[in-house]
């Protein structure tokens, strides 16, 4: 009996991993919808694009692509393959300050929208 009670306790406290993932996905979808409907997503994308150009990230990515194309030749590189190859490196090269600024802008948007409701 004690084992069963302990199992129930474990289930109640943290055994709902799938439920947490589902809830997280629902929250993300709701935030995405808010960003889309308000036009804020486009504004944030433009802000991010500008910051990435300012810090030289875009030039770095262009150089990475050019190097890969030089190595493999234009016939040996498809756009999808190139994107899949460089995406992890590109994400890692985004400066922390840019990531933090974008996250702050999203948080400010969500705070303003939660107060308006």
PDB file of N, CA and C in Angstrom:
ATOM      1  N   UNK A   1       0.806  -1.205   0.000  1.00  0.00           N
ATOM      2  CA  UNK A   1       0.000   0.000   0.000  1.00  0.00           C
ATOM      3  C   UNK A   1       0.848   1.269   0.000  1.00  0.00           C
ATOM      4  N   UNK A   2       1.864   1.284   0.807  1.00  0.00           N
ATOM      5  CA  UNK A   2       2.729   2.458   0.849  1.00  0.00           C
ATOM      6  C   UNK A   2       3.380   2.717  -0.512  1.00  0.00           C
ATOM      7  N   UNK A   3       3.759   1.661  -1.189  1.00  0.00           N
ATOM      8  CA  UNK A   3       4.372   1.820  -2.499  1.00  0.00           C
ATOM      9  C   UNK A   3       3.364   2.461  -3.439  1.00  0.00           C
ATOM     10  N   UNK A   4       2.141   1.965  -3.400  1.00  0.00           N
ATOM     11  CA  UNK A   4       1.116   2.535  -4.272  1.00  0.00           C
ATOM     12  C   UNK A   4       0.874   3.997  -3.953  1.00  0.00           C
ATOM     13  N   UNK A   5       0.796   4.332  -2.689  1.00  0.00           N
ATOM     14  CA  UNK A   5       0.587   5.728  -2.316  1.00  0.00           C
ATOM     15  C   UNK A   5       1.758   6.581  -2.793  1.00  0.00           C
ATOM     16  N   UNK A   6       2.965   6.044  -2.662  1.00  0.00           N
ATOM     17  CA  UNK A   6       4.146   6.760  -3.121  1.00  0.00           C
ATOM     18  C   UNK A   6       4.113   6.974  -4.618  1.00  0.00           C
ATOM     19  N   UNK A   7       3.639   5.958  -5.347  1.00  0.00           N
ATOM     20  CA  UNK A   7       3.519   6.099  -6.800  1.00  0.00           C
ATOM     21  C   UNK A   7       2.532   7.195  -7.152  1.00  0.00           C
ATOM     22  N   UNK A   8       1.429   7.229  -6.465  1.00  0.00           N
ATOM     23  CA  UNK A   8       0.433   8.270  -6.715  1.00  0.00           C
ATOM     24  C   UNK A   8       1.018   9.646  -6.444  1.00  0.00           C
ATOM     25  N   UNK A   9       1.771   9.752  -5.367  1.00  0.00           N
ATOM     26  CA  UNK A   9       2.400  11.028  -5.040  1.00  0.00           C
ATOM     27  C   UNK A   9       3.367  11.429  -6.144  1.00  0.00           C
ATOM     28  N   UNK A  10       4.148  10.478  -6.625  1.00  0.00           N
ATOM     29  CA  UNK A  10       5.104  10.777  -7.683  1.00  0.00           C
ATOM     30  C   UNK A  10       4.376  11.228  -8.942  1.00  0.00           C
ATOM     31  N   UNK A  11       3.259  10.569  -9.244  1.00  0.00           N
ATOM     32  CA  UNK A  11       2.494  10.947 -10.420  1.00  0.00           C
ATOM     33  C   UNK A  11       1.943  12.358 -10.279  1.00  0.00           C
ATOM     34  N   UNK A  12       1.474  12.689  -9.089  1.00  0.00           N
ATOM     35  CA  UNK A  12       0.894  14.010  -8.890  1.00  0.00           C
ATOM     36  C   UNK A  12       1.946  15.098  -8.935  1.00  0.00           C
ATOM     37  N   UNK A  13       3.126  14.825  -8.400  1.00  0.00           N
ATOM     38  CA  UNK A  13       4.149  15.856  -8.329  1.00  0.00           C
ATOM     39  C   UNK A  13       4.853  16.087  -9.656  1.00  0.00           C
ATOM     40  N   UNK A  14       5.300  15.036 -10.330  1.00  0.00           N
ATOM     41  CA  UNK A  14       6.110  15.289 -11.507  1.00  0.00           C
ATOM     42  C   UNK A  14       6.009  14.223 -12.564  1.00  0.00           C
ATOM     43  N   UNK A  15       5.106  13.325 -12.427  1.00  0.00           N
ATOM     44  CA  UNK A  15       4.989  12.237 -13.373  1.00  0.00           C
ATOM     45  C   UNK A  15       4.285  12.625 -14.653  1.00  0.00           C
ATOM     46  N   UNK A  16       3.839  13.859 -14.799  1.00  0.00           N
ATOM     47  CA  UNK A  16       3.077  14.264 -15.975  1.00  0.00           C
ATOM     48  C   UNK A  16       3.931  14.935 -17.022  1.00  0.00           C
ATOM     49  N   UNK A  17       5.026  14.331 -17.405  1.00  0.00           N
ATOM     50  CA  UNK A  17       5.919  14.921 -18.389  1.00  0.00           C
ATOM     51  C   UNK A  17       5.236  15.223 -19.708  1.00  0.00           C
ATOM     52  N   UNK A  18       4.397  14.301 -20.168  1.00  0.00           N
ATOM     53  CA  UNK A  18       3.696  14.506 -21.437  1.00  0.00           C
ATOM     54  C   UNK A  18       2.708  15.655 -21.313  1.00  0.00           C
ATOM     55  N   UNK A  19       2.051  15.752 -20.146  1.00  0.00           N
ATOM     56  CA  UNK A  19       1.107  16.853 -19.922  1.00  0.00           C
ATOM     57  C   UNK A  19       1.820  18.198 -19.931  1.00  0.00           C
ATOM     58  N   UNK A  20       3.000  18.255 -19.345  1.00  0.00           N
ATOM     59  CA  UNK A  20       3.767  19.493 -19.316  1.00  0.00           C
ATOM     60  C   UNK A  20       4.179  19.903 -20.733  1.00  0.00           C
ATOM     61  N   UNK A  21       4.599  18.925 -21.536  1.00  0.00           N
ATOM     62  CA  UNK A  21       4.984  19.217 -22.917  1.00  0.00           C
ATOM     63  C   UNK A  21       3.784  19.737 -23.690  1.00  0.00           C
ATOM     64  N   UNK A  22       2.650  19.091 -23.486  1.00  0.00           N
ATOM     65  CA  UNK A  22       1.436  19.501 -24.178  1.00  0.00           C
ATOM     66  C   UNK A  22       1.037  20.915 -23.774  1.00  0.00           C
ATOM     67  N   UNK A  23       1.106  21.202 -22.494  1.00  0.00           N
ATOM     68  CA  UNK A  23       0.771  22.535 -21.987  1.00  0.00           C
ATOM     69  C   UNK A  23       1.739  23.576 -22.554  1.00  0.00           C
ATOM     70  N   UNK A  24       3.021  23.236 -22.583  1.00  0.00           N
ATOM     71  CA  UNK A  24       4.027  24.153 -23.124  1.00  0.00           C
ATOM     72  C   UNK A  24       3.746  24.435 -24.600  1.00  0.00           C
ATOM     73  N   UNK A  25       3.386  23.401 -25.345  1.00  0.00           N
ATOM     74  CA  UNK A  25       3.088  23.584 -26.762  1.00  0.00           C
ATOM     75  C   UNK A  25       1.860  24.467 -26.953  1.00  0.00           C
ATOM     76  N   UNK A  26       0.864  24.304 -26.082  1.00  0.00           N
ATOM     77  CA  UNK A  26      -0.338  25.137 -26.161  1.00  0.00           C
ATOM     78  C   UNK A  26      -0.009  26.598 -25.871  1.00  0.00           C
ATOM     79  N   UNK A  27       0.824  26.836 -24.876  1.00  0.00           N
ATOM     80  CA  UNK A  27       1.219  28.198 -24.524  1.00  0.00           C
ATOM     81  C   UNK A  27       2.001  28.823 -25.673  1.00  0.00           C
ATOM     82  N   UNK A  28       2.942  28.072 -26.235  1.00  0.00           N
ATOM     83  CA  UNK A  28       3.725  28.574 -27.371  1.00  0.00           C
ATOM     84  C   UNK A  28       2.821  28.914 -28.551  1.00  0.00           C
ATOM     85  N   UNK A  29       1.855  28.055 -28.823  1.00  0.00           N
ATOM     86  CA  UNK A  29       0.935  28.290 -29.942  1.00  0.00           C
ATOM     87  C   UNK A  29       0.098  29.547 -29.689  1.00  0.00           C
ATOM     88  N   UNK A  30      -0.340  29.736 -28.449  1.00  0.00           N
ATOM     89  CA  UNK A  30      -1.140  30.919 -28.110  1.00  0.00           C
ATOM     90  C   UNK A  30      -0.307  32.196 -28.256  1.00  0.00           C
ATOM     91  N   UNK A  31       0.935  32.151 -27.808  1.00  0.00           N
ATOM     92  CA  UNK A  31       1.823  33.314 -27.930  1.00  0.00           C
ATOM     93  C   UNK A  31       2.069  33.611 -29.410  1.00  0.00           C
ATOM     94  N   UNK A  32       2.341  32.566 -30.170  1.00  0.00           N
ATOM     95  CA  UNK A  32       2.582  32.743 -31.608  1.00  0.00           C
ATOM     96  C   UNK A  32       1.360  33.386 -32.266  1.00  0.00           C
ATOM     97  N   UNK A  33       0.187  32.940 -31.911  1.00  0.00           N
ATOM     98  CA  UNK A  33      -1.042  33.491 -32.479  1.00  0.00           C
ATOM     99  C   UNK A  33      -1.195  34.972 -32.125  1.00  0.00           C
ATOM    100  N   UNK A  34      -0.908  35.319 -30.882  1.00  0.00           N
ATOM    101  CA  UNK A  34      -0.977  36.725 -30.451  1.00  0.00           C
ATOM    102  C   UNK A  34       0.002  37.583 -31.251  1.00  0.00           C
ATOM    103  N   UNK A  35       1.209  37.064 -31.419  1.00  0.00           N
ATOM    104  CA  UNK A  35       2.233  37.803 -32.167  1.00  0.00           C
ATOM    105  C   UNK A  35       1.804  38.011 -33.616  1.00  0.00           C
ATOM    106  N   UNK A  36       1.224  36.985 -34.217  1.00  0.00           N
ATOM    107  CA  UNK A  36       0.776  37.083 -35.598  1.00  0.00           C
ATOM    108  C   UNK A  36      -0.370  38.082 -35.755  1.00  0.00           C
ATOM    109  N   UNK A  37      -1.399  37.916 -34.930  1.00  0.00           N
ATOM    110  CA  UNK A  37      -2.604  38.736 -35.057  1.00  0.00           C
ATOM    111  C   UNK A  37      -2.331  40.219 -34.824  1.00  0.00           C
ATOM    112  N   UNK A  38      -1.384  40.511 -33.969  1.00  0.00           N
ATOM    113  CA  UNK A  38      -1.092  41.896 -33.627  1.00  0.00           C
ATOM    114  C   UNK A  38      -0.120  42.558 -34.610  1.00  0.00           C
ATOM    115  N   UNK A  39       0.548  41.750 -35.420  1.00  0.00           N
ATOM    116  CA  UNK A  39       1.574  42.283 -36.305  1.00  0.00           C
ATOM    117  C   UNK A  39       2.927  42.412 -35.619  1.00  0.00           C
ATOM    118  N   UNK A  40       2.981  42.054 -34.362  1.00  0.00           N
ATOM    119  CA  UNK A  40       4.218  42.164 -33.591  1.00  0.00           C
ATOM    120  C   UNK A  40       5.295  41.213 -34.110  1.00  0.00           C
ATOM    121  N   UNK A  41       4.897  40.060 -34.641  1.00  0.00           N
ATOM    122  CA  UNK A  41       5.888  39.111 -35.152  1.00  0.00           C
ATOM    123  C   UNK A  41       6.712  39.748 -36.266  1.00  0.00           C
ATOM    124  N   UNK A  42       6.063  40.451 -37.173  1.00  0.00           N
ATOM    125  CA  UNK A  42       6.779  41.105 -38.272  1.00  0.00           C
ATOM    126  C   UNK A  42       7.709  42.195 -37.747  1.00  0.00           C
ATOM    127  N   UNK A  43       7.239  42.955 -36.769  1.00  0.00           N
ATOM    128  CA  UNK A  43       8.074  44.000 -36.188  1.00  0.00           C
ATOM    129  C   UNK A  43       9.305  43.396 -35.516  1.00  0.00           C
ATOM    130  N   UNK A  44       9.114  42.302 -34.792  1.00  0.00           N
ATOM    131  CA  UNK A  44      10.224  41.630 -34.123  1.00  0.00           C
ATOM    132  C   UNK A  44      11.204  41.036 -35.139  1.00  0.00           C
ATOM    133  N   UNK A  45      10.683  40.487 -36.222  1.00  0.00           N
ATOM    134  CA  UNK A  45      11.554  39.947 -37.265  1.00  0.00           C
ATOM    135  C   UNK A  45      12.416  41.043 -37.883  1.00  0.00           C
ATOM    136  N   UNK A  46      11.827  42.195 -38.118  1.00  0.00           N
ATOM    137  CA  UNK A  46      12.589  43.317 -38.677  1.00  0.00           C
ATOM    138  C   UNK A  46      13.655  43.799 -37.698  1.00  0.00           C
ATOM    139  N   UNK A  47      13.289  43.871 -36.422  1.00  0.00           N
ATOM    140  CA  UNK A  47      14.250  44.265 -35.401  1.00  0.00           C
ATOM    141  C   UNK A  47      15.417  43.268 -35.366  1.00  0.00           C
ATOM    142  N   UNK A  48      15.089  41.981 -35.371  1.00  0.00           N
ATOM    143  CA  UNK A  48      16.112  40.938 -35.334  1.00  0.00           C
ATOM    144  C   UNK A  48      16.996  41.004 -36.578  1.00  0.00           C
ATOM    145  N   UNK A  49      16.392  41.159 -37.721  1.00  0.00           N
ATOM    146  CA  UNK A  49      17.149  41.255 -38.972  1.00  0.00           C
ATOM    147  C   UNK A  49      18.156  42.408 -38.886  1.00  0.00           C
ATOM    148  N   UNK A  50      17.705  43.547 -38.422  1.00  0.00           N
ATOM    149  CA  UNK A  50      18.587  44.708 -38.287  1.00  0.00           C
ATOM    150  C   UNK A  50      19.727  44.470 -37.312  1.00  0.00           C
ATOM    151  N   UNK A  51      19.421  43.870 -36.178  1.00  0.00           N
ATOM    152  CA  UNK A  51      20.458  43.589 -35.174  1.00  0.00           C
ATOM    153  C   UNK A  51      21.503  42.611 -35.719  1.00  0.00           C
ATOM    154  N   UNK A  52      21.038  41.605 -36.469  1.00  0.00           N
ATOM    155  CA  UNK A  52      21.968  40.614 -37.011  1.00  0.00           C
ATOM    156  C   UNK A  52      22.870  41.223 -38.078  1.00  0.00           C
ATOM    157  N   UNK A  53      22.350  42.170 -38.837  1.00  0.00           N
ATOM    158  CA  UNK A  53      23.181  42.872 -39.816  1.00  0.00           C
ATOM    159  C   UNK A  53      24.184  43.746 -39.082  1.00  0.00           C
ATOM    160  N   UNK A  54      23.715  44.483 -38.070  1.00  0.00           N
ATOM    161  CA  UNK A  54      24.585  45.388 -37.291  1.00  0.00           C
ATOM    162  C   UNK A  54      25.786  44.679 -36.688  1.00  0.00           C
ATOM    163  N   UNK A  55      25.557  43.497 -36.138  1.00  0.00           N
ATOM    164  CA  UNK A  55      26.631  42.800 -35.420  1.00  0.00           C
ATOM    165  C   UNK A  55      27.515  41.962 -36.343  1.00  0.00           C
ATOM    166  N   UNK A  56      27.202  41.922 -37.637  1.00  0.00           N
ATOM    167  CA  UNK A  56      28.035  41.194 -38.578  1.00  0.00           C
ATOM    168  C   UNK A  56      27.667  39.728 -38.750  1.00  0.00           C
ATOM    169  N   UNK A  57      26.624  39.283 -38.079  1.00  0.00           N
ATOM    170  CA  UNK A  57      26.204  37.886 -38.161  1.00  0.00           C
ATOM    171  C   UNK A  57      25.846  37.497 -39.594  1.00  0.00           C
ATOM    172  N   UNK A  58      25.128  38.365 -40.265  1.00  0.00           N
ATOM    173  CA  UNK A  58      24.688  38.067 -41.632  1.00  0.00           C
ATOM    174  C   UNK A  58      25.892  37.866 -42.563  1.00  0.00           C
ATOM    175  N   UNK A  59      26.898  38.704 -42.409  1.00  0.00           N
ATOM    176  CA  UNK A  59      28.112  38.557 -43.225  1.00  0.00           C
ATOM    177  C   UNK A  59      28.823  37.240 -42.926  1.00  0.00           C
ATOM    178  N   UNK A  60      28.861  36.860 -41.651  1.00  0.00           N
ATOM    179  CA  UNK A  60      29.480  35.584 -41.268  1.00  0.00           C
ATOM    180  C   UNK A  60      28.763  34.415 -41.927  1.00  0.00           C
ATOM    181  N   UNK A  61      27.430  34.470 -41.913  1.00  0.00           N
ATOM    182  CA  UNK A  61      26.633  33.395 -42.511  1.00  0.00           C
ATOM    183  C   UNK A  61      26.883  33.339 -44.014  1.00  0.00           C
ATOM    184  N   UNK A  62      26.933  34.480 -44.646  1.00  0.00           N
ATOM    185  CA  UNK A  62      27.200  34.528 -46.089  1.00  0.00           C
ATOM    186  C   UNK A  62      28.557  33.887 -46.389  1.00  0.00           C
ATOM    187  N   UNK A  63      29.565  34.216 -45.585  1.00  0.00           N
ATOM    188  CA  UNK A  63      30.899  33.644 -45.785  1.00  0.00           C
ATOM    189  C   UNK A  63      30.903  32.129 -45.589  1.00  0.00           C
ATOM    190  N   UNK A  64      30.164  31.670 -44.571  1.00  0.00           N
ATOM    191  CA  UNK A  64      30.064  30.228 -44.336  1.00  0.00           C
ATOM    192  C   UNK A  64      29.470  29.529 -45.558  1.00  0.00           C
ATOM    193  N   UNK A  65      28.421  30.104 -46.101  1.00  0.00           N
ATOM    194  CA  UNK A  65      27.765  29.533 -47.282  1.00  0.00           C
ATOM    195  C   UNK A  65      28.714  29.514 -48.466  1.00  0.00           C
ATOM    196  N   UNK A  66      29.437  30.602 -48.662  1.00  0.00           N
ATOM    197  CA  UNK A  66      30.370  30.685 -49.781  1.00  0.00           C
ATOM    198  C   UNK A  66      31.476  29.638 -49.667  1.00  0.00           C
ATOM    199  N   UNK A  67      31.962  29.414 -48.449  1.00  0.00           N
ATOM    200  CA  UNK A  67      33.002  28.409 -48.230  1.00  0.00           C
ATOM    201  C   UNK A  67      32.498  27.006 -48.555  1.00  0.00           C
ATOM    202  N   UNK A  68      31.307  26.709 -48.123  1.00  0.00           N
ATOM    203  CA  UNK A  68      30.737  25.382 -48.387  1.00  0.00           C
ATOM    204  C   UNK A  68      30.546  25.189 -49.890  1.00  0.00           C
ATOM    205  N   UNK A  69      30.060  26.206 -50.556  1.00  0.00           N
ATOM    206  CA  UNK A  69      29.845  26.124 -52.002  1.00  0.00           C
ATOM    207  C   UNK A  69      31.172  25.970 -52.737  1.00  0.00           C
ATOM    208  N   UNK A  70      32.214  26.664 -52.265  1.00  0.00           N
ATOM    209  CA  UNK A  70      33.547  26.515 -52.879  1.00  0.00           C
ATOM    210  C   UNK A  70      34.048  25.079 -52.742  1.00  0.00           C
ATOM    211  N   UNK A  71      33.856  24.497 -51.555  1.00  0.00           N
ATOM    212  CA  UNK A  71      34.337  23.137 -51.303  1.00  0.00           C
ATOM    213  C   UNK A  71      33.577  22.107 -52.126  1.00  0.00           C
ATOM    214  N   UNK A  72      32.265  22.255 -52.195  1.00  0.00           N
ATOM    215  CA  UNK A  72      31.434  21.232 -52.832  1.00  0.00           C
ATOM    216  C   UNK A  72      31.101  21.533 -54.287  1.00  0.00           C
ATOM    217  N   UNK A  73      31.287  22.781 -54.695  1.00  0.00           N
ATOM    218  CA  UNK A  73      30.915  23.169 -56.047  1.00  0.00           C
ATOM    219  C   UNK A  73      29.431  23.493 -56.125  1.00  0.00           C
ATOM    220  N   UNK A  74      29.068  24.288 -57.106  1.00  0.00           N
ATOM    221  CA  UNK A  74      27.667  24.719 -57.201  1.00  0.00           C
ATOM    222  C   UNK A  74      26.733  23.571 -57.536  1.00  0.00           C
ATOM    223  N   UNK A  75      27.241  22.561 -58.244  1.00  0.00           N
ATOM    224  CA  UNK A  75      26.390  21.415 -58.572  1.00  0.00           C
ATOM    225  C   UNK A  75      26.207  20.477 -57.385  1.00  0.00           C
ATOM    226  N   UNK A  76      27.120  20.528 -56.430  1.00  0.00           N
ATOM    227  CA  UNK A  76      27.066  19.617 -55.291  1.00  0.00           C
ATOM    228  C   UNK A  76      26.304  20.146 -54.099  1.00  0.00           C
ATOM    229  N   UNK A  77      25.705  21.322 -54.212  1.00  0.00           N
ATOM    230  CA  UNK A  77      25.028  21.914 -53.056  1.00  0.00           C
ATOM    231  C   UNK A  77      23.595  22.287 -53.426  1.00  0.00           C
ATOM    232  N   UNK A  78      22.665  21.707 -52.703  1.00  0.00           N
ATOM    233  CA  UNK A  78      21.260  22.114 -52.831  1.00  0.00           C
ATOM    234  C   UNK A  78      20.960  23.070 -51.680  1.00  0.00           C
ATOM    235  N   UNK A  79      20.049  23.977 -51.900  1.00  0.00           N
ATOM    236  CA  UNK A  79      19.708  24.974 -50.878  1.00  0.00           C
ATOM    237  C   UNK A  79      19.283  24.302 -49.572  1.00  0.00           C
ATOM    238  N   UNK A  80      18.433  23.282 -49.644  1.00  0.00           N
ATOM    239  CA  UNK A  80      17.964  22.596 -48.434  1.00  0.00           C
ATOM    240  C   UNK A  80      19.122  21.980 -47.654  1.00  0.00           C
ATOM    241  N   UNK A  81      20.048  21.361 -48.391  1.00  0.00           N
ATOM    242  CA  UNK A  81      21.209  20.739 -47.733  1.00  0.00           C
ATOM    243  C   UNK A  81      22.088  21.788 -47.069  1.00  0.00           C
ATOM    244  N   UNK A  82      22.284  22.892 -47.762  1.00  0.00           N
ATOM    245  CA  UNK A  82      23.101  23.984 -47.217  1.00  0.00           C
ATOM    246  C   UNK A  82      22.469  24.533 -45.933  1.00  0.00           C
ATOM    247  N   UNK A  83      21.178  24.757 -45.969  1.00  0.00           N
ATOM    248  CA  UNK A  83      20.463  25.271 -44.794  1.00  0.00           C
ATOM    249  C   UNK A  83      20.581  24.302 -43.624  1.00  0.00           C
ATOM    250  N   UNK A  84      20.364  23.018 -43.899  1.00  0.00           N
ATOM    251  CA  UNK A  84      20.467  22.020 -42.832  1.00  0.00           C
ATOM    252  C   UNK A  84      21.870  21.939 -42.254  1.00  0.00           C
ATOM    253  N   UNK A  85      22.864  22.131 -43.087  1.00  0.00           N
ATOM    254  CA  UNK A  85      24.255  22.045 -42.632  1.00  0.00           C
ATOM    255  C   UNK A  85      24.652  23.241 -41.766  1.00  0.00           C
ATOM    256  N   UNK A  86      24.233  24.437 -42.145  1.00  0.00           N
ATOM    257  CA  UNK A  86      24.715  25.620 -41.433  1.00  0.00           C
ATOM    258  C   UNK A  86      23.814  26.086 -40.291  1.00  0.00           C
ATOM    259  N   UNK A  87      22.573  25.653 -40.255  1.00  0.00           N
ATOM    260  CA  UNK A  87      21.630  26.156 -39.252  1.00  0.00           C
ATOM    261  C   UNK A  87      22.144  26.040 -37.812  1.00  0.00           C
ATOM    262  N   UNK A  88      22.633  24.877 -37.379  1.00  0.00           N
ATOM    263  CA  UNK A  88      23.104  24.808 -35.988  1.00  0.00           C
ATOM    264  C   UNK A  88      24.230  25.798 -35.686  1.00  0.00           C
ATOM    265  N   UNK A  89      25.166  25.939 -36.624  1.00  0.00           N
ATOM    266  CA  UNK A  89      26.279  26.875 -36.425  1.00  0.00           C
ATOM    267  C   UNK A  89      25.778  28.312 -36.391  1.00  0.00           C
ATOM    268  N   UNK A  90      24.855  28.606 -37.275  1.00  0.00           N
ATOM    269  CA  UNK A  90      24.322  29.971 -37.356  1.00  0.00           C
ATOM    270  C   UNK A  90      23.586  30.355 -36.085  1.00  0.00           C
ATOM    271  N   UNK A  91      22.790  29.432 -35.570  1.00  0.00           N
ATOM    272  CA  UNK A  91      22.067  29.707 -34.321  1.00  0.00           C
ATOM    273  C   UNK A  91      23.036  29.948 -33.181  1.00  0.00           C
ATOM    274  N   UNK A  92      24.103  29.170 -33.152  1.00  0.00           N
ATOM    275  CA  UNK A  92      25.090  29.313 -32.081  1.00  0.00           C
ATOM    276  C   UNK A  92      25.842  30.635 -32.180  1.00  0.00           C
ATOM    277  N   UNK A  93      25.940  31.204 -33.374  1.00  0.00           N
ATOM    278  CA  UNK A  93      26.685  32.447 -33.575  1.00  0.00           C
ATOM    279  C   UNK A  93      25.873  33.706 -33.282  1.00  0.00           C
ATOM    280  N   UNK A  94      24.570  33.561 -33.043  1.00  0.00           N
ATOM    281  CA  UNK A  94      23.769  34.746 -32.713  1.00  0.00           C
ATOM    282  C   UNK A  94      24.241  35.248 -31.348  1.00  0.00           C
ATOM    283  N   UNK A  95      24.667  36.500 -31.262  1.00  0.00           N
ATOM    284  CA  UNK A  95      25.171  37.028 -29.984  1.00  0.00           C
ATOM    285  C   UNK A  95      24.118  36.976 -28.869  1.00  0.00           C
ATOM    286  N   UNK A  96      24.588  36.674 -27.680  1.00  0.00           N
ATOM    287  CA  UNK A  96      23.693  36.596 -26.512  1.00  0.00           C
ATOM    288  C   UNK A  96      22.906  37.891 -26.323  1.00  0.00           C
ATOM    289  N   UNK A  97      23.542  39.024 -26.596  1.00  0.00           N
ATOM    290  CA  UNK A  97      22.860  40.313 -26.407  1.00  0.00           C
ATOM    291  C   UNK A  97      21.652  40.423 -27.331  1.00  0.00           C
ATOM    292  N   UNK A  98      21.790  39.921 -28.545  1.00  0.00           N
ATOM    293  CA  UNK A  98      20.690  39.966 -29.510  1.00  0.00           C
ATOM    294  C   UNK A  98      19.564  39.041 -29.048  1.00  0.00           C
ATOM    295  N   UNK A  99      19.925  37.844 -28.588  1.00  0.00           N
ATOM    296  CA  UNK A  99      18.919  36.903 -28.081  1.00  0.00           C
ATOM    297  C   UNK A  99      18.186  37.513 -26.887  1.00  0.00           C
ATOM    298  N   UNK A 100      18.949  38.116 -25.978  1.00  0.00           N
ATOM    299  CA  UNK A 100      18.357  38.710 -24.775  1.00  0.00           C
ATOM    300  C   UNK A 100      17.422  39.864 -25.130  1.00  0.00           C
ATOM    301  N   UNK A 101      17.820  40.683 -26.099  1.00  0.00           N
ATOM    302  CA  UNK A 101      16.989  41.816 -26.502  1.00  0.00           C
ATOM    303  C   UNK A 101      15.675  41.339 -27.131  1.00  0.00           C
ATOM    304  N   UNK A 102      15.756  40.302 -27.951  1.00  0.00           N
ATOM    305  CA  UNK A 102      14.548  39.754 -28.562  1.00  0.00           C
ATOM    306  C   UNK A 102      13.629  39.165 -27.499  1.00  0.00           C
ATOM    307  N   UNK A 103      14.196  38.420 -26.576  1.00  0.00           N
ATOM    308  CA  UNK A 103      13.397  37.832 -25.500  1.00  0.00           C
ATOM    309  C   UNK A 103      12.737  38.917 -24.650  1.00  0.00           C
ATOM    310  N   UNK A 104      13.464  39.973 -24.372  1.00  0.00           N
ATOM    311  CA  UNK A 104      12.909  41.087 -23.598  1.00  0.00           C
ATOM    312  C   UNK A 104      11.753  41.746 -24.346  1.00  0.00           C
ATOM    313  N   UNK A 105      11.901  41.905 -25.648  1.00  0.00           N
ATOM    314  CA  UNK A 105      10.833  42.509 -26.457  1.00  0.00           C
ATOM    315  C   UNK A 105       9.583  41.637 -26.448  1.00  0.00           C
ATOM    316  N   UNK A 106       9.777  40.315 -26.517  1.00  0.00           N
ATOM    317  CA  UNK A 106       8.630  39.395 -26.467  1.00  0.00           C
ATOM    318  C   UNK A 106       7.961  39.468 -25.105  1.00  0.00           C
ATOM    319  N   UNK A 107       8.758  39.473 -24.051  1.00  0.00           N
ATOM    320  CA  UNK A 107       8.194  39.562 -22.696  1.00  0.00           C
ATOM    321  C   UNK A 107       7.419  40.863 -22.502  1.00  0.00           C
ATOM    322  N   UNK A 108       7.967  41.955 -22.998  1.00  0.00           N
ATOM    323  CA  UNK A 108       7.281  43.246 -22.870  1.00  0.00           C
ATOM    324  C   UNK A 108       5.957  43.221 -23.624  1.00  0.00           C
ATOM    325  N   UNK A 109       5.949  42.632 -24.809  1.00  0.00           N
ATOM    326  CA  UNK A 109       4.720  42.503 -25.590  1.00  0.00           C
ATOM    327  C   UNK A 109       3.683  41.694 -24.821  1.00  0.00           C
ATOM    328  N   UNK A 110       4.110  40.557 -24.268  1.00  0.00           N
ATOM    329  CA  UNK A 110       3.178  39.692 -23.531  1.00  0.00           C
ATOM    330  C   UNK A 110       2.656  40.397 -22.273  1.00  0.00           C
ATOM    331  N   UNK A 111       3.517  41.116 -21.592  1.00  0.00           N
ATOM    332  CA  UNK A 111       3.092  41.835 -20.381  1.00  0.00           C
ATOM    333  C   UNK A 111       2.066  42.902 -20.749  1.00  0.00           C
ATOM    334  N   UNK A 112       2.321  43.636 -21.814  1.00  0.00           N
ATOM    335  CA  UNK A 112       1.396  44.695 -22.236  1.00  0.00           C
ATOM    336  C   UNK A 112       0.063  44.106 -22.659  1.00  0.00           C
ATOM    337  N   UNK A 113       0.101  42.965 -23.331  1.00  0.00           N
ATOM    338  CA  UNK A 113      -1.139  42.340 -23.784  1.00  0.00           C
ATOM    339  C   UNK A 113      -1.908  41.671 -22.665  1.00  0.00           C
ATOM    340  N   UNK A 114      -1.216  41.167 -21.664  1.00  0.00           N
ATOM    341  CA  UNK A 114      -1.933  40.529 -20.550  1.00  0.00           C
ATOM    342  C   UNK A 114      -2.622  41.580 -19.687  1.00  0.00           C
ATOM    343  N   UNK A 115      -2.061  42.795 -19.624  1.00  0.00           N
ATOM    344  CA  UNK A 115      -2.683  43.869 -18.859  1.00  0.00           C
ATOM    345  C   UNK A 115      -3.870  44.463 -19.605  1.00  0.00           C
ATOM    346  N   UNK A 116      -3.823  44.409 -20.927  1.00  0.00           N
ATOM    347  CA  UNK A 116      -4.910  44.988 -21.738  1.00  0.00           C
ATOM    348  C   UNK A 116      -6.150  44.124 -21.686  1.00  0.00           C
ATOM    349  N   UNK A 117      -6.025  42.877 -21.331  1.00  0.00           N
ATOM    350  CA  UNK A 117      -7.191  41.967 -21.330  1.00  0.00           C
ATOM    351  C   UNK A 117      -7.955  42.011 -20.038  1.00  0.00           C
TER     352      UNK A 117
END
